[in-house]
Amino acid sequence: MTLPLILSWLWPLLLAPLVLQPRRHWLVALAPLPALATALWIPAGARVELPWLLVGATLGLDTPGRIFLGFTALLWLVAAVHAVRALRDSPHAGRFHLFFLFAMAGNLWLIVALDLVSFYTGFALMGIASYGLVIYDGRRESLRAGKVYLILTLLGEATLFLALVLIAHQTGSLAPSATALTALDDLAIGLLILGLAVKAGLMPLHVWLPLAHPAAPVPASAVLSGTMIKAALLGWLRFLPLGALALPHWGLLLVLAGLITAILAPLIGLIQTNPKVVLAYSSVAKMGFMTLALGLLLIEPRLALVGVPALAFYAGHHALTKGGLFLGVGLRHTSGRQPMILAGLSLLVLVMIGAPLTSGAITKDGLKPVLEVLDWRWLGAGLGLASVVTALLMARFLWLMWRTEPHPEPGYRAAGAAWGLLIAAILVLPPAIALSDGAKLGWTTNLNLIAIALALGLPVLLAALQRPGTLDGILDRIPPGDLLEALRPLPPLWRWSQRWIWCRWVAWRERLLAPRIDWIDRQWHATRTSPVERQMERWLVAGTLWAGLVLSIVLAVIRWL
């Protein structure tokens, strides 16, 4: 049991130095296999103490951890197969695969880590290595996106570090239980929520996502949006006192932040023209929805026993679906089997919006006990609005995909086959798992909301078909990284204000202080010096006296010698 838990994250690190050579790039596809095997064969509840690792590590799989490890390893595997072909001709392929494996190792490590130190080590490794995935080609846009990503990542990791130190101090353990976490104060909880909110992409900390996805290659975007942002959710599930203590004020804050994110992000994404940016805003919206569900679990801890596995299951389904959509974008550009690619993308879009008779409807139905626990009409209206705008956003993505001009390239058969198997898993696994647990399948979830979205979207679609270019005036009016563009004038304004303040200070000092300094100087010379002293202060007199003094000293020394 110990060896699989260690190899699940150590194996990618061992392979990392080898993939720098072009003939060994295929080794990337082998890296997630131990983690996938661990998720399939190691039972939930497994736990191993490793006193020799770090300051004493605890590895294991709780119920959400096993779900996370399964979908994370599967998506990394499919993305790795795609990366081997997509970057085969790139001069930066070796560097990309190196950072790809580092990020994979960190992602898998934090999942099997049950202690604070190991979780943070994996989290930091994943976050910093992902910077190399964003800037791997060195383009100007990539460097700007990487700069924004790195700044926010480091700020988030510093905040998370403070939170974990406080958790260790207040619980007295590096692997605290849910009962021990009830001792946390508001400062520790607030820092934990804030530090992980950056990775989750909650508004207004979401700005790195719409910038990083267009810059990164398709395989990197798939795992960034599919699995890595879910690490924030796992951290909250693992280190918040879910089920042991009600935190209504923090729960309400997460509900409001999640609802605002779930509504605003799709509205901004609707006017984007880059499919990867559209998917990025979709990821922001879905993380807002998951954060909202987490907030409800903090308000009603009695639902944690059912809600935590359901939320982890929903996160896994979304990760695989979103990863499949990103990989489909790449195949739409390069694969030669375009009808099959468009059919697969259409299926994934239906799954993503939770259309009836899809696995998306089943996974969302599993969260119904959590979403309906409180009789808040405004919450139900907000969730309905979020579902409608998300459906419209995915329709926008599918429209962009149908209008994309492909440029087929040979050699994508393995990548296409892996993508097809991923779609099959997305369609089959949720109903199979639900039936094995004896749950009732909610095939008709979201039926009324999908109907509303169709009623709103069809007129827009017909207008776009009859009069192309009608809506061009609003497209890209809000660029990716929306808030950053609004803040762009601030640095020049700050520099200008600094220069203005300095100039005003110099002018004020000269106007007010210079006359007083001159007056003091005149008074000093008038009262403290005699006419003889003033005469000696002149350069000619003073210089002659100093020269004579030096000459006298030199003659005295010569005579003494």
Protein backbone atom coordinates (compact mmCIF):
# COMPACT_ATOMS: atom_id res chain seq x y z
CA MET A 1 0.00 0.00 0.00
CA THR A 2 2.89 2.35 0.75
CA LEU A 3 4.65 1.93 -2.60
CA PRO A 4 1.61 2.77 -4.83
CA LEU A 5 0.88 5.93 -2.83
CA ILE A 6 4.49 7.06 -3.21
CA LEU A 7 4.87 6.08 -6.87
CA SER A 8 1.66 7.87 -7.84
CA TRP A 9 3.49 11.22 -7.56
CA LEU A 10 7.16 10.16 -7.51
CA TRP A 11 7.04 8.35 -10.85
CA PRO A 12 6.47 11.58 -12.90
CA LEU A 13 9.41 13.20 -11.07
CA LEU A 14 11.67 10.26 -11.95
CA LEU A 15 10.69 10.48 -15.61
CA ALA A 16 11.09 14.26 -15.82
CA PRO A 17 14.85 14.39 -16.63
CA LEU A 18 14.44 11.74 -19.34
CA VAL A 19 11.85 13.55 -21.47
CA LEU A 20 14.25 16.33 -22.47
CA GLN A 21 15.49 14.07 -25.27
CA PRO A 22 13.16 14.06 -28.33
CA ARG A 23 13.26 10.27 -28.68
CA ARG A 24 11.95 9.90 -25.11
CA HIS A 25 8.98 12.29 -25.27
CA TRP A 26 6.63 9.31 -25.33
CA LEU A 27 7.54 8.60 -21.68
CA VAL A 28 5.19 11.43 -20.68
CA ALA A 29 2.24 9.15 -21.40
CA LEU A 30 3.52 6.59 -18.87
CA ALA A 31 3.73 9.05 -15.98
CA PRO A 32 0.07 8.98 -14.77
CA LEU A 33 -0.28 5.18 -14.86
CA PRO A 34 0.78 4.44 -11.23
CA ALA A 35 -1.64 7.10 -9.96
CA LEU A 36 -4.49 5.67 -12.04
CA ALA A 37 -3.75 2.17 -10.75
CA THR A 38 -3.66 3.49 -7.18
CA ALA A 39 -7.08 5.11 -7.59
CA LEU A 40 -8.55 1.87 -8.95
CA TRP A 41 -7.05 -0.62 -6.48
CA ILE A 42 -6.27 1.16 -3.23
CA PRO A 43 -9.48 1.38 -1.15
CA ALA A 44 -10.75 4.60 0.36
CA GLY A 45 -9.57 5.00 3.93
CA ALA A 46 -6.01 3.81 3.25
CA ARG A 47 -3.46 5.74 5.30
CA VAL A 48 0.34 5.49 5.61
CA GLU A 49 2.69 7.35 7.97
CA LEU A 50 6.10 8.26 6.54
CA PRO A 51 8.22 9.85 9.30
CA TRP A 52 11.28 10.06 7.01
CA LEU A 53 9.55 12.23 4.37
CA LEU A 54 9.70 16.01 4.92
CA VAL A 55 8.82 16.62 8.59
CA GLY A 56 6.72 13.48 8.75
CA ALA A 57 4.27 12.87 5.91
CA THR A 58 0.89 11.18 5.95
CA LEU A 59 -0.26 9.76 2.65
CA GLY A 60 -3.59 8.12 1.95
CA LEU A 61 -6.91 8.21 0.19
CA ASP A 62 -10.07 9.46 1.80
CA THR A 63 -13.31 9.22 -0.18
CA PRO A 64 -13.01 12.56 -2.03
CA GLY A 65 -9.28 11.97 -2.46
CA ARG A 66 -9.83 8.70 -4.30
CA ILE A 67 -12.35 10.36 -6.63
CA PHE A 68 -9.95 13.22 -7.27
CA LEU A 69 -7.02 10.90 -7.91
CA GLY A 70 -9.02 8.84 -10.40
CA PHE A 71 -10.23 11.66 -12.64
CA THR A 72 -6.97 13.60 -12.31
CA ALA A 73 -4.80 10.69 -13.42
CA LEU A 74 -7.17 9.86 -16.28
CA LEU A 75 -7.17 13.40 -17.66
CA TRP A 76 -3.39 13.75 -17.32
CA LEU A 77 -3.03 10.51 -19.25
CA VAL A 78 -5.21 11.63 -22.17
CA ALA A 79 -3.59 15.08 -22.21
CA ALA A 80 -0.13 13.49 -22.23
CA VAL A 81 -1.00 11.35 -25.26
CA HIS A 82 -2.22 14.48 -27.02
CA ALA A 83 0.88 16.47 -26.00
CA VAL A 84 3.30 13.91 -27.46
CA ARG A 85 1.85 14.46 -30.94
CA ALA A 86 0.82 18.11 -30.73
CA LEU A 87 4.30 19.27 -29.69
CA ARG A 88 6.31 16.82 -31.76
CA ASP A 89 7.61 19.51 -34.12
CA SER A 90 8.05 22.24 -31.51
CA PRO A 91 11.61 23.30 -30.62
CA HIS A 92 10.41 23.80 -27.04
CA ALA A 93 8.84 20.35 -26.67
CA GLY A 94 11.43 19.03 -24.21
CA ARG A 95 11.02 22.03 -21.94
CA PHE A 96 7.23 21.71 -22.09
CA HIS A 97 7.28 18.01 -21.18
CA LEU A 98 9.64 18.71 -18.27
CA PHE A 99 7.30 21.27 -16.71
CA PHE A 100 4.32 19.08 -17.65
CA LEU A 101 5.66 16.25 -15.51
CA PHE A 102 6.58 18.56 -12.63
CA ALA A 103 3.06 19.99 -12.60
CA MET A 104 1.59 16.49 -12.83
CA ALA A 105 3.69 15.29 -9.89
CA GLY A 106 2.61 18.23 -7.75
CA ASN A 107 -1.05 17.75 -8.67
CA LEU A 108 -1.00 14.05 -7.81
CA TRP A 109 1.06 14.60 -4.65
CA LEU A 110 -1.36 17.07 -3.08
CA ILE A 111 -4.23 14.62 -3.67
CA VAL A 112 -2.65 11.72 -1.76
CA ALA A 113 -1.23 14.07 0.91
CA LEU A 114 -3.29 14.04 4.11
CA ASP A 115 -0.92 16.29 6.06
CA LEU A 116 -0.46 20.04 5.73
CA VAL A 117 3.22 20.05 4.71
CA SER A 118 2.86 17.48 1.93
CA PHE A 119 -0.27 19.16 0.61
CA TYR A 120 1.47 22.52 0.43
CA THR A 121 4.59 21.03 -1.18
CA GLY A 122 2.57 19.42 -3.94
CA PHE A 123 0.42 22.52 -4.35
CA ALA A 124 3.46 24.81 -4.68
CA LEU A 125 5.22 22.44 -7.09
CA MET A 126 2.13 22.29 -9.29
CA GLY A 127 1.60 26.05 -9.25
CA ILE A 128 5.18 27.07 -10.06
CA ALA A 129 5.70 24.35 -12.69
CA SER A 130 2.50 25.46 -14.45
CA TYR A 131 4.18 28.81 -15.09
CA GLY A 132 6.51 26.98 -17.46
CA LEU A 133 3.51 25.56 -19.33
CA VAL A 134 2.04 29.04 -19.85
CA ILE A 135 5.22 30.71 -21.17
CA TYR A 136 6.80 27.72 -22.88
CA ASP A 137 6.93 29.32 -26.37
CA GLY A 138 8.21 32.73 -25.19
CA ARG A 139 5.67 34.82 -27.13
CA ARG A 140 4.82 38.28 -25.81
CA GLU A 141 1.25 37.26 -25.01
CA SER A 142 2.49 34.17 -23.22
CA LEU A 143 4.96 36.16 -21.13
CA ARG A 144 2.27 38.65 -20.11
CA ALA A 145 -0.13 35.85 -19.19
CA GLY A 146 2.67 34.10 -17.30
CA LYS A 147 3.49 37.26 -15.38
CA VAL A 148 -0.11 37.68 -14.23
CA TYR A 149 -0.35 33.98 -13.41
CA LEU A 150 2.90 33.92 -11.43
CA ILE A 151 2.10 37.02 -9.37
CA LEU A 152 -1.33 35.75 -8.37
CA THR A 153 -0.03 32.22 -7.78
CA LEU A 154 2.74 33.38 -5.45
CA LEU A 155 0.37 35.65 -3.54
CA GLY A 156 -2.10 32.78 -3.21
CA GLU A 157 0.58 30.34 -2.08
CA ALA A 158 1.95 32.80 0.49
CA THR A 159 -1.56 33.27 1.89
CA LEU A 160 -2.15 29.53 1.90
CA PHE A 161 1.15 28.98 3.72
CA LEU A 162 0.07 31.34 6.51
CA ALA A 163 -3.27 29.56 6.72
CA LEU A 164 -1.68 26.12 7.02
CA VAL A 165 0.75 27.34 9.69
CA LEU A 166 -2.20 28.65 11.70
CA ILE A 167 -4.08 25.38 11.21
CA ALA A 168 -1.12 23.37 12.49
CA HIS A 169 -0.74 25.69 15.47
CA GLN A 170 -4.42 25.78 16.43
CA THR A 171 -5.12 22.07 15.95
CA GLY A 172 -1.77 20.83 17.27
CA SER A 173 -1.40 18.42 14.36
CA LEU A 174 0.02 18.35 10.86
CA ALA A 175 -2.73 15.94 9.80
CA PRO A 176 -5.78 17.31 11.64
CA SER A 177 -9.08 15.48 11.73
CA ALA A 178 -12.44 17.14 11.06
CA THR A 179 -13.05 17.33 14.81
CA ALA A 180 -9.70 19.01 15.42
CA LEU A 181 -10.48 21.56 12.69
CA THR A 182 -13.33 22.90 14.78
CA ALA A 183 -10.68 24.76 16.81
CA LEU A 184 -9.84 27.04 13.86
CA ASP A 185 -10.50 30.74 14.31
CA ASP A 186 -11.79 33.15 11.70
CA LEU A 187 -8.29 34.28 10.69
CA ALA A 188 -7.15 30.78 9.75
CA ILE A 189 -10.39 30.04 7.87
CA GLY A 190 -10.29 33.36 6.06
CA LEU A 191 -6.70 32.89 4.94
CA LEU A 192 -7.45 29.34 3.80
CA ILE A 193 -10.41 30.47 1.72
CA LEU A 194 -8.52 33.42 0.24
CA GLY A 195 -5.34 31.49 -0.53
CA LEU A 196 -7.21 28.77 -2.44
CA ALA A 197 -9.65 31.19 -4.11
CA VAL A 198 -6.83 32.29 -6.44
CA LYS A 199 -6.39 28.77 -7.80
CA ALA A 200 -10.16 28.26 -7.93
CA GLY A 201 -10.54 31.37 -10.08
CA LEU A 202 -13.22 33.06 -8.01
CA MET A 203 -13.99 36.61 -9.05
CA PRO A 204 -12.17 38.99 -8.82
CA LEU A 205 -9.15 36.65 -8.56
CA HIS A 206 -10.01 34.90 -11.82
CA VAL A 207 -8.08 37.14 -14.21
CA TRP A 208 -5.22 34.70 -14.77
CA LEU A 209 -7.47 32.01 -16.26
CA PRO A 210 -8.69 33.81 -19.42
CA LEU A 211 -5.11 34.92 -20.09
CA ALA A 212 -3.34 31.64 -19.37
CA HIS A 213 -5.54 29.36 -21.48
CA PRO A 214 -5.04 31.09 -24.86
CA ALA A 215 -1.30 31.28 -24.16
CA ALA A 216 -0.79 27.67 -23.09
CA PRO A 217 -0.88 24.73 -25.53
CA VAL A 218 -4.08 22.73 -25.67
CA PRO A 219 -2.86 19.82 -23.46
CA ALA A 220 -1.75 22.30 -20.78
CA SER A 221 -5.10 24.13 -20.94
CA ALA A 222 -6.91 20.82 -20.52
CA VAL A 223 -5.20 19.98 -17.23
CA LEU A 224 -5.05 23.58 -16.00
CA SER A 225 -8.79 24.00 -16.31
CA GLY A 226 -9.73 20.40 -15.72
CA THR A 227 -7.71 19.23 -12.73
CA MET A 228 -5.43 21.91 -11.31
CA ILE A 229 -8.10 24.42 -10.37
CA LYS A 230 -9.94 21.58 -8.59
CA ALA A 231 -7.01 21.40 -6.16
CA ALA A 232 -8.52 24.43 -4.44
CA LEU A 233 -11.79 22.59 -3.91
CA LEU A 234 -9.96 19.56 -2.49
CA GLY A 235 -8.07 21.83 -0.08
CA TRP A 236 -11.33 23.29 1.17
CA LEU A 237 -12.92 19.86 1.51
CA ARG A 238 -9.92 18.56 3.44
CA PHE A 239 -9.06 21.46 5.79
CA LEU A 240 -12.41 23.10 6.53
CA PRO A 241 -14.46 21.58 9.39
CA LEU A 242 -17.14 20.19 7.09
CA GLY A 243 -19.70 18.13 8.93
CA ALA A 244 -18.25 18.93 12.34
CA LEU A 245 -19.15 22.60 12.76
CA ALA A 246 -21.60 25.07 11.23
CA LEU A 247 -19.97 28.24 9.91
CA PRO A 248 -22.95 30.22 8.59
CA HIS A 249 -21.10 33.52 8.05
CA TRP A 250 -18.30 31.92 6.05
CA GLY A 251 -20.81 29.70 4.26
CA LEU A 252 -22.92 32.69 3.21
CA LEU A 253 -19.80 34.46 1.95
CA LEU A 254 -18.90 31.46 -0.23
CA VAL A 255 -22.47 31.21 -1.49
CA LEU A 256 -22.53 34.86 -2.56
CA ALA A 257 -19.03 34.76 -4.09
CA GLY A 258 -19.85 31.55 -5.95
CA LEU A 259 -23.19 32.83 -7.24
CA ILE A 260 -21.72 36.12 -8.49
CA THR A 261 -18.92 34.22 -10.22
CA ALA A 262 -21.33 31.70 -11.77
CA ILE A 263 -23.45 34.49 -13.29
CA LEU A 264 -20.90 37.13 -14.33
CA ALA A 265 -18.26 34.85 -15.86
CA PRO A 266 -20.57 33.41 -18.59
CA LEU A 267 -21.85 36.89 -19.42
CA ILE A 268 -18.28 38.05 -20.12
CA GLY A 269 -17.51 34.83 -21.99
CA LEU A 270 -20.46 35.31 -24.34
CA ILE A 271 -18.77 38.19 -26.16
CA GLN A 272 -15.40 36.44 -26.63
CA THR A 273 -14.22 35.19 -30.02
CA ASN A 274 -11.45 32.81 -28.92
CA PRO A 275 -12.89 29.36 -28.10
CA LYS A 276 -10.26 28.75 -25.41
CA VAL A 277 -11.17 32.03 -23.71
CA VAL A 278 -14.84 31.02 -23.80
CA LEU A 279 -13.94 27.74 -22.11
CA ALA A 280 -11.84 29.59 -19.55
CA TYR A 281 -14.80 31.71 -18.48
CA SER A 282 -16.91 28.56 -18.40
CA SER A 283 -14.40 27.05 -15.96
CA VAL A 284 -14.58 30.15 -13.78
CA ALA A 285 -18.38 29.86 -13.73
CA LYS A 286 -18.35 26.17 -12.81
CA MET A 287 -15.87 26.75 -9.99
CA GLY A 288 -18.25 29.44 -8.75
CA PHE A 289 -21.04 26.87 -8.71
CA MET A 290 -18.91 24.37 -6.76
CA THR A 291 -17.91 27.08 -4.30
CA LEU A 292 -21.58 27.88 -3.78
CA ALA A 293 -22.30 24.23 -2.99
CA LEU A 294 -19.38 24.20 -0.56
CA GLY A 295 -20.79 27.26 1.19
CA LEU A 296 -24.11 25.48 1.66
CA LEU A 297 -22.28 22.56 3.28
CA LEU A 298 -20.70 24.98 5.74
CA ILE A 299 -24.13 26.37 6.59
CA GLU A 300 -25.72 22.91 6.97
CA PRO A 301 -23.03 20.49 8.22
CA ARG A 302 -25.51 17.62 8.54
CA LEU A 303 -25.41 17.24 4.74
CA ALA A 304 -21.64 16.75 4.61
CA LEU A 305 -21.89 12.95 4.58
CA VAL A 306 -23.86 13.07 1.33
CA GLY A 307 -22.71 16.42 -0.03
CA VAL A 308 -18.93 15.96 0.05
CA PRO A 309 -18.87 12.81 -2.17
CA ALA A 310 -21.49 14.34 -4.46
CA LEU A 311 -19.45 17.54 -4.81
CA ALA A 312 -16.25 15.57 -5.46
CA PHE A 313 -18.09 13.45 -8.04
CA TYR A 314 -19.42 16.58 -9.75
CA ALA A 315 -15.92 18.12 -9.78
CA GLY A 316 -14.48 14.99 -11.36
CA HIS A 317 -17.15 14.88 -14.05
CA HIS A 318 -16.63 18.54 -14.86
CA ALA A 319 -12.84 18.08 -14.99
CA LEU A 320 -13.08 15.28 -17.54
CA THR A 321 -15.67 17.12 -19.62
CA LYS A 322 -13.80 20.42 -19.64
CA GLY A 323 -10.53 18.66 -20.41
CA GLY A 324 -12.27 16.87 -23.29
CA LEU A 325 -13.56 20.19 -24.65
CA PHE A 326 -10.09 21.75 -24.62
CA LEU A 327 -8.55 18.73 -26.32
CA GLY A 328 -11.38 18.85 -28.83
CA VAL A 329 -10.40 22.41 -29.72
CA GLY A 330 -6.95 21.17 -30.66
CA LEU A 331 -8.32 18.24 -32.67
CA ARG A 332 -10.75 20.55 -34.45
CA HIS A 333 -7.76 22.43 -35.84
CA THR A 334 -5.55 19.45 -36.70
CA SER A 335 -7.45 16.17 -36.95
CA GLY A 336 -8.54 14.78 -40.29
CA ARG A 337 -11.82 13.30 -39.01
CA GLN A 338 -13.80 16.49 -38.62
CA PRO A 339 -17.36 15.05 -38.57
CA MET A 340 -16.43 12.84 -35.62
CA ILE A 341 -14.69 15.73 -33.85
CA LEU A 342 -17.74 17.98 -34.23
CA ALA A 343 -20.03 15.18 -33.03
CA GLY A 344 -17.84 14.61 -29.98
CA LEU A 345 -17.72 18.33 -29.17
CA SER A 346 -21.50 18.54 -29.47
CA LEU A 347 -21.92 15.65 -27.04
CA LEU A 348 -19.51 17.25 -24.56
CA VAL A 349 -21.38 20.56 -24.75
CA LEU A 350 -24.67 18.81 -23.94
CA VAL A 351 -22.98 17.06 -21.01
CA MET A 352 -21.45 20.30 -19.76
CA ILE A 353 -24.78 22.14 -19.57
CA GLY A 354 -26.41 19.16 -17.86
CA ALA A 355 -28.87 18.47 -20.66
CA PRO A 356 -31.50 15.81 -19.91
CA LEU A 357 -30.54 12.20 -20.67
CA THR A 358 -26.82 12.98 -20.25
CA SER A 359 -24.34 12.16 -17.52
CA GLY A 360 -24.18 15.88 -16.72
CA ALA A 361 -27.79 15.78 -15.57
CA ILE A 362 -27.01 12.81 -13.31
CA THR A 363 -24.05 14.42 -11.58
CA LYS A 364 -25.93 17.67 -10.99
CA ASP A 365 -28.90 15.73 -9.65
CA GLY A 366 -26.59 14.29 -6.99
CA LEU A 367 -26.15 17.83 -5.60
CA LYS A 368 -29.89 18.51 -5.32
CA PRO A 369 -30.04 17.72 -1.57
CA VAL A 370 -27.37 20.37 -1.02
CA LEU A 371 -28.77 23.00 -3.37
CA GLU A 372 -32.31 22.68 -2.04
CA VAL A 373 -31.51 22.47 1.67
CA LEU A 374 -32.31 26.14 2.28
CA ASP A 375 -35.58 27.74 1.25
CA TRP A 376 -33.99 30.81 -0.26
CA ARG A 377 -35.95 31.96 -3.29
CA TRP A 378 -33.23 34.34 -4.37
CA LEU A 379 -30.75 31.47 -4.41
CA GLY A 380 -33.00 29.34 -6.60
CA ALA A 381 -33.47 32.25 -9.01
CA GLY A 382 -29.74 32.90 -9.09
CA LEU A 383 -28.95 29.25 -9.78
CA GLY A 384 -31.50 29.19 -12.56
CA LEU A 385 -30.00 32.31 -14.14
CA ALA A 386 -26.50 30.83 -13.84
CA SER A 387 -27.63 27.64 -15.59
CA VAL A 388 -29.26 29.58 -18.42
CA VAL A 389 -26.26 31.81 -19.13
CA THR A 390 -23.93 28.80 -18.91
CA ALA A 391 -26.02 27.01 -21.53
CA LEU A 392 -25.86 30.09 -23.76
CA LEU A 393 -22.09 30.28 -23.25
CA MET A 394 -21.60 26.68 -24.34
CA ALA A 395 -23.84 27.29 -27.36
CA ARG A 396 -21.54 30.20 -28.20
CA PHE A 397 -18.52 27.88 -27.94
CA LEU A 398 -20.14 25.31 -30.24
CA TRP A 399 -20.93 28.07 -32.75
CA LEU A 400 -17.27 29.09 -32.79
CA MET A 401 -16.21 25.49 -33.26
CA TRP A 402 -18.50 24.97 -36.24
CA ARG A 403 -17.10 28.12 -37.86
CA THR A 404 -13.46 27.10 -37.27
CA GLU A 405 -11.43 26.32 -40.39
CA PRO A 406 -9.45 23.09 -39.78
CA HIS A 407 -5.94 22.41 -41.05
CA PRO A 408 -5.61 18.62 -40.84
CA GLU A 409 -2.23 17.10 -40.06
CA PRO A 410 -1.22 13.42 -40.05
CA GLY A 411 -0.36 11.50 -36.91
CA TYR A 412 -3.29 12.33 -34.63
CA ARG A 413 -4.80 8.84 -34.61
CA ALA A 414 -3.61 8.01 -31.07
CA ALA A 415 -4.67 11.40 -29.74
CA GLY A 416 -8.09 11.05 -31.37
CA ALA A 417 -8.53 7.52 -29.98
CA ALA A 418 -7.62 8.65 -26.47
CA TRP A 419 -10.08 11.54 -26.79
CA GLY A 420 -12.81 9.14 -27.91
CA LEU A 421 -12.18 6.87 -24.92
CA LEU A 422 -12.38 9.92 -22.64
CA ILE A 423 -15.78 10.84 -24.07
CA ALA A 424 -16.96 7.27 -23.56
CA ALA A 425 -15.85 7.39 -19.92
CA ILE A 426 -17.67 10.72 -19.43
CA LEU A 427 -20.90 9.28 -20.82
CA VAL A 428 -20.78 5.88 -19.12
CA LEU A 429 -19.09 6.29 -15.72
CA PRO A 430 -21.60 8.59 -13.93
CA PRO A 431 -24.69 6.42 -14.54
CA ALA A 432 -22.69 3.25 -13.84
CA ILE A 433 -21.39 4.56 -10.52
CA ALA A 434 -24.80 5.89 -9.54
CA LEU A 435 -26.48 2.55 -10.29
CA SER A 436 -23.81 0.65 -8.35
CA ASP A 437 -24.59 2.81 -5.30
CA GLY A 438 -28.32 2.19 -5.70
CA ALA A 439 -29.06 5.84 -6.50
CA LYS A 440 -31.95 6.99 -8.64
CA LEU A 441 -30.82 8.46 -11.96
CA GLY A 442 -31.97 12.05 -12.47
CA TRP A 443 -32.15 12.05 -16.25
CA THR A 444 -34.49 15.04 -16.53
CA THR A 445 -32.56 17.53 -14.40
CA ASN A 446 -32.34 21.04 -15.94
CA LEU A 447 -35.11 20.36 -18.47
CA ASN A 448 -36.95 23.64 -17.87
CA LEU A 449 -33.74 25.68 -17.74
CA ILE A 450 -32.51 24.24 -21.03
CA ALA A 451 -35.85 25.15 -22.58
CA ILE A 452 -35.46 28.75 -21.38
CA ALA A 453 -31.93 28.88 -22.78
CA LEU A 454 -33.18 27.62 -26.14
CA ALA A 455 -35.96 30.22 -26.17
CA LEU A 456 -33.39 32.96 -25.55
CA GLY A 457 -30.68 31.64 -27.82
CA LEU A 458 -32.62 30.69 -30.94
CA PRO A 459 -33.61 34.27 -31.91
CA VAL A 460 -29.99 35.35 -31.55
CA LEU A 461 -28.87 32.39 -33.66
CA LEU A 462 -31.40 33.17 -36.40
CA ALA A 463 -30.36 36.81 -36.41
CA ALA A 464 -26.71 35.83 -36.72
CA LEU A 465 -27.49 33.51 -39.63
CA GLN A 466 -29.66 35.98 -41.54
CA ARG A 467 -27.51 39.05 -40.90
CA PRO A 468 -23.90 38.07 -40.29
CA GLY A 469 -21.94 40.73 -38.49
CA THR A 470 -24.91 42.17 -36.63
CA LEU A 471 -23.35 41.46 -33.23
CA ASP A 472 -19.76 42.20 -34.19
CA GLY A 473 -19.87 45.54 -32.43
CA ILE A 474 -20.04 43.95 -28.99
CA LEU A 475 -17.58 41.11 -29.57
CA ASP A 476 -14.34 41.35 -27.59
CA ARG A 477 -15.44 44.65 -26.09
CA ILE A 478 -14.27 43.16 -22.79
CA PRO A 479 -10.89 41.54 -23.48
CA PRO A 480 -9.61 38.44 -21.64
CA GLY A 481 -8.47 39.28 -18.15
CA ASP A 482 -11.30 41.80 -17.94
CA LEU A 483 -10.42 43.51 -14.66
CA LEU A 484 -6.77 43.83 -15.63
CA GLU A 485 -7.76 45.92 -18.64
CA ALA A 486 -9.79 48.18 -16.37
CA LEU A 487 -6.75 48.56 -14.12
CA ARG A 488 -4.30 49.14 -16.98
CA PRO A 489 -4.33 53.00 -16.62
CA LEU A 490 -3.40 52.78 -12.94
CA PRO A 491 0.41 52.22 -13.24
CA PRO A 492 0.94 55.26 -15.55
CA LEU A 493 -1.39 57.29 -13.34
CA TRP A 494 0.62 56.25 -10.29
CA ARG A 495 3.92 57.24 -11.90
CA TRP A 496 2.47 60.58 -13.03
CA SER A 497 1.12 61.26 -9.52
CA GLN A 498 4.54 60.47 -8.02
CA ARG A 499 6.25 62.97 -10.34
CA TRP A 500 3.56 65.60 -9.66
CA ILE A 501 3.90 65.22 -5.88
CA TRP A 502 7.71 65.45 -6.11
CA CYS A 503 7.59 68.58 -8.26
CA ARG A 504 5.09 70.22 -5.90
CA TRP A 505 7.30 69.33 -2.94
CA VAL A 506 10.41 70.82 -4.54
CA ALA A 507 8.53 74.00 -5.48
CA TRP A 508 7.04 74.35 -1.99
CA ARG A 509 10.41 73.78 -0.36
CA GLU A 510 12.11 76.40 -2.52
CA ARG A 511 9.31 78.91 -2.04
CA LEU A 512 8.93 78.56 1.70
CA LEU A 513 12.24 77.28 3.00
CA ALA A 514 14.84 78.97 0.79
CA PRO A 515 14.11 82.57 2.02
CA ARG A 516 14.32 81.40 5.63
CA ILE A 517 17.64 79.62 5.01
CA ASP A 518 19.06 82.75 3.36
CA TRP A 519 17.86 84.90 6.27
CA ILE A 520 19.47 82.54 8.82
CA ASP A 521 22.71 82.55 6.85
CA ARG A 522 22.80 86.34 6.73
CA GLN A 523 22.11 86.59 10.46
CA TRP A 524 24.86 84.09 11.21
CA HIS A 525 27.46 85.99 9.25
CA ALA A 526 26.34 89.32 10.66
CA THR A 527 26.47 88.27 14.31
CA ARG A 528 29.10 85.55 14.50
CA THR A 529 31.94 86.77 12.26
CA SER A 530 34.24 89.78 12.52
CA PRO A 531 35.48 91.80 9.50
CA VAL A 532 38.85 89.99 9.80
CA GLU A 533 37.15 86.57 9.68
CA ARG A 534 35.02 87.58 6.71
CA GLN A 535 38.20 88.71 4.90
CA MET A 536 39.87 85.35 5.67
CA GLU A 537 36.88 83.48 4.25
CA ARG A 538 37.66 84.77 0.80
CA TRP A 539 39.31 82.18 -1.46
CA LEU A 540 42.47 84.19 -2.17
CA VAL A 541 43.33 84.97 1.43
CA ALA A 542 42.41 81.55 2.74
CA GLY A 543 44.31 79.79 -0.04
CA THR A 544 47.48 81.82 0.59
CA LEU A 545 47.39 81.11 4.32
CA TRP A 546 46.88 77.35 3.76
CA ALA A 547 49.76 77.23 1.25
CA GLY A 548 52.09 79.04 3.66
CA LEU A 549 51.11 76.71 6.50
CA VAL A 550 51.80 73.60 4.40
CA LEU A 551 55.19 75.02 3.25
CA SER A 552 56.23 75.76 6.85
CA ILE A 553 55.41 72.21 7.90
CA VAL A 554 57.41 70.72 5.02
CA LEU A 555 60.50 72.89 5.85
CA ALA A 556 60.26 71.93 9.51
CA VAL A 557 60.19 68.24 8.65
CA ILE A 558 63.19 68.55 6.30
CA ARG A 559 65.18 70.40 8.94
CA TRP A 560 64.34 67.78 11.57
CA LEU A 561 65.47 64.99 9.30
